[in-house]
Amino acid sequence: MTLPIWMYFVVAGIFASAFMTVKSAKEEKKIEDEWIEKEGEVYISRMHEEKERRRQFS
């Protein structure tokens, strides 16, 4: 019992789609982590500036 050739293409397409989904999810996570880290650095630098400003006024 052999499958029609188009069934092999469908199965290959499913695997290719799953691979691309996993790949793009990893890339998105990496980009999101970089953005979160950058925003965290901005927040920390603002905290240091505020702390320094308060130290100068007291």
C-alpha atoms as a PDB file:
ATOM      1  CA  MET A   1       0.000   0.000   0.000  1.00  0.00           C
ATOM      2  CA  THR A   2       1.766   3.109  -1.227  1.00  0.00           C
ATOM      3  CA  LEU A   3       0.758   6.658  -0.622  1.00  0.00           C
ATOM      4  CA  PRO A   4       0.227   9.121  -3.440  1.00  0.00           C
ATOM      5  CA  ILE A   5       3.195  11.413  -4.075  1.00  0.00           C
ATOM      6  CA  TRP A   6       1.265  14.495  -2.925  1.00  0.00           C
ATOM      7  CA  MET A   7       0.968  12.977   0.556  1.00  0.00           C
ATOM      8  CA  TYR A   8       4.755  12.992   0.874  1.00  0.00           C
ATOM      9  CA  PHE A   9       4.752  16.680  -0.042  1.00  0.00           C
ATOM     10  CA  VAL A  10       2.080  17.388   2.563  1.00  0.00           C
ATOM     11  CA  VAL A  11       4.054  15.604   5.284  1.00  0.00           C
ATOM     12  CA  ALA A  12       7.263  17.379   4.231  1.00  0.00           C
ATOM     13  CA  GLY A  13       5.382  20.694   4.330  1.00  0.00           C
ATOM     14  CA  ILE A  14       4.145  19.988   7.847  1.00  0.00           C
ATOM     15  CA  PHE A  15       7.675  19.261   9.046  1.00  0.00           C
ATOM     16  CA  ALA A  16       9.060  22.343   7.297  1.00  0.00           C
ATOM     17  CA  SER A  17       6.332  24.481   8.856  1.00  0.00           C
ATOM     18  CA  ALA A  18       7.037  23.107  12.322  1.00  0.00           C
ATOM     19  CA  PHE A  19      10.763  23.744  11.892  1.00  0.00           C
ATOM     20  CA  MET A  20      10.200  27.337  10.763  1.00  0.00           C
ATOM     21  CA  THR A  21       7.795  27.946  13.660  1.00  0.00           C
ATOM     22  CA  VAL A  22      10.355  26.787  16.209  1.00  0.00           C
ATOM     23  CA  LYS A  23      13.121  28.766  14.514  1.00  0.00           C
ATOM     24  CA  SER A  24      11.129  32.007  14.416  1.00  0.00           C
ATOM     25  CA  ALA A  25      10.010  31.565  18.038  1.00  0.00           C
ATOM     26  CA  LYS A  26      13.652  31.293  19.132  1.00  0.00           C
ATOM     27  CA  GLU A  27      14.579  34.391  17.140  1.00  0.00           C
ATOM     28  CA  GLU A  28      11.671  36.368  18.607  1.00  0.00           C
ATOM     29  CA  LYS A  29      12.640  35.318  22.139  1.00  0.00           C
ATOM     30  CA  LYS A  30      16.223  36.421  21.536  1.00  0.00           C
ATOM     31  CA  ILE A  31      15.099  39.823  20.229  1.00  0.00           C
ATOM     32  CA  GLU A  32      12.664  40.238  23.115  1.00  0.00           C
ATOM     33  CA  ASP A  33      15.343  39.342  25.684  1.00  0.00           C
ATOM     34  CA  GLU A  34      17.726  41.890  24.151  1.00  0.00           C
ATOM     35  CA  TRP A  35      15.020  44.562  24.286  1.00  0.00           C
ATOM     36  CA  ILE A  36      14.185  43.757  27.915  1.00  0.00           C
ATOM     37  CA  GLU A  37      17.875  43.919  28.846  1.00  0.00           C
ATOM     38  CA  LYS A  38      18.263  47.289  27.118  1.00  0.00           C
ATOM     39  CA  GLU A  39      15.197  48.704  28.860  1.00  0.00           C
ATOM     40  CA  GLY A  40      16.490  47.385  32.184  1.00  0.00           C
ATOM     41  CA  GLU A  41      19.779  49.180  31.658  1.00  0.00           C
ATOM     42  CA  VAL A  42      17.908  52.421  30.914  1.00  0.00           C
ATOM     43  CA  TYR A  43      15.849  51.990  34.082  1.00  0.00           C
ATOM     44  CA  ILE A  44      18.925  51.330  36.213  1.00  0.00           C
ATOM     45  CA  SER A  45      20.761  54.337  34.765  1.00  0.00           C
ATOM     46  CA  ARG A  46      17.748  56.540  35.585  1.00  0.00           C
ATOM     47  CA  MET A  47      17.756  55.176  39.136  1.00  0.00           C
ATOM     48  CA  HIS A  48      21.446  56.037  39.492  1.00  0.00           C
ATOM     49  CA  GLU A  49      20.852  59.536  38.109  1.00  0.00           C
ATOM     50  CA  GLU A  50      17.967  60.097  40.511  1.00  0.00           C
ATOM     51  CA  LYS A  51      20.024  58.810  43.422  1.00  0.00           C
ATOM     52  CA  GLU A  52      22.884  61.121  42.487  1.00  0.00           C
ATOM     53  CA  ARG A  53      20.508  64.076  42.111  1.00  0.00           C
ATOM     54  CA  ARG A  54      19.029  63.445  45.564  1.00  0.00           C
ATOM     55  CA  ARG A  55      22.497  63.110  47.048  1.00  0.00           C
ATOM     56  CA  GLN A  56      23.476  66.524  45.637  1.00  0.00           C
ATOM     57  CA  PHE A  57      20.421  68.273  47.125  1.00  0.00           C
ATOM     58  CA  SER A  58      20.774  66.817  50.594  1.00  0.00           C
END
